Amino acid sequence: MAFAMKANVEISPDIGERLQKLAVSRDRELSSLLKEAVEQYVEREEKREAFRQDALRAWEDYQETGLHLTLEEVEEWFQQLADGEDVEPPACHV
C-alpha cells in the first residue's frame, strides 16, 4: 500500500531557485527531484541511526564484559587481510 503525504515546506528563495535550476537542467519535474532527495535523505539517516545503535550496543557489551581488542591487534589483523592472508579476527580479551 502506498503512503501518501502532502506537506508544505518552507525553503529559502535561494534553495528554491537552485532546485528549479537542477530540475530544468535534468529535464525533470521539481516534485520528482524533491521525492528523490527525500528518499536519499531517509536512507542515509536510517543507515546513520543503525550505525549509532550498533555502536551503543557495542559499548554496552564492552561495559558488561570488558572484552576488547587493542588498536595494535586490529591493525595487525587488517594488515594480514590486506596482505591476502585468510585469517580470523583475533580473540577478544579483558
Foldseek 3Di string as FASTA:
>chain_A
DDDDDDDDDDDDPVVVVVLVVVCVVVVHDSVVVVVVVVVVVVVVVVVVVVVVVVVVVVVVVCVVPVWDDDPVQVVVVVVCVVVVHPDDRDGTDD
